[in-house]
Amino acid sequence: MKWYWLAALVLASVACGDAAEDGGSVLPSTTGAPSTTGAPSTTGAPSTTGAPSTTGAPTTTTEAGDGNVTPDLAIGPIPDELDDWRPYADRHIDVFGVHVVALPGVSKRALIHGASVLAQYLDNDADGVPDDDLVVRAMTEQRATLLMAYDEEELESSGLFESGLEEHYGAQDLHDVETSRPGRFDAALEEVHHLVFDYGWASVYPERLRPAGTSDLTAAMDVARGGHFERVPAAYPAEAWYTYDDRTCNYECMATEYFYWAHTTLLAAQGDSNRCAEIADEWRPCTPEDLAEMDPLVTALLRDPELGLPTVLPDGDYRPGS
């Protein structure tokens, strides 16, 4: 994970990401500090010409009962309610009312994949209805938005950071070049997770999951880090298994990342031997079994049925009713 300041681009704000990746940037969060997994160095987004690419008509939905709707994940133009995005983004997908917007360089493949991962986190049992209406409501009220760009260069050159949009949306960025690429860990699993955590789960269950102050999550994290550290210590205790050491990551950032590491480990995202070695400098338990043995506090929290957290790792292939 890598956090760094965007003060030169926007109002002072911290963003976090995966240390196993490089770079990254994010619009400021209003409820915590979303992290990003940066992309490798590129030569910018692919050039695009002509009208914005879509796949037919704007996104539509079908009724799924109880006032919820099943997203069809069709790509459409930027809707009227997001008119202020039109100078920067050219496509949109609605996921249960949560927005996914794409800059011109984003491929159809990456856009649909990012939206599918979001749909799977929100409707983990794939019955076409959000698992937790309160989470979706919290995200829509905060105008939670997954912002997709081809890479960091396209995002920074888009003018978004100078636009002031960050004051009106809960945005988390995700890059095409880091999304479901062969031979790379799928960054959508992390960045979309941060979006749902910051504007959904942590908002609805603050006593359990609040990343700042005192909560069940921060109590577990203090044990995982070998103590309560408001700032990164000079050296973590030998018994710590969560040892992220980027000093630009404050306590709230640390808790946000801890929740991501623990939850995705429980969902078996980190168990590959190469991946385990890649993340060892900041996270030791790699498998669900490792996590249950090493960190019983967070394991019990994540498995608490009252929270209704996802139990199946998204794969970017959302098929409600299948």
Foldseek 3Di string as FASTA:
>chain_A
DDKDFPVVQAPTAIAADAPLADDDDKQAAPFFHYHAHAHPDDPFFDDDDDAADFDDADWDWDDDDPPWTFTPQGKHADDPVVVVCVLAFGIWGAQRQAIETEGRRADPVQSLLLSLQLNCQQCVVQQRGGPDPQQSVQQNVQNQYEYEYQHPVSVRPRCVSVSPCSVRHRYFYDHNNQAPDPPHQHRSLRRSLSSSLRRGLCVVCVQAQRQDDHHLLLVLVCVLQVHDDQFQDPATPPLHFARDHHRSQGSSNSSSVVLSQLLVQQQQSQQDPVSQVSRRNGGHRRHNVSCCVSRVSVVCSNPPVVSVGRNHRDDSDRDRPD
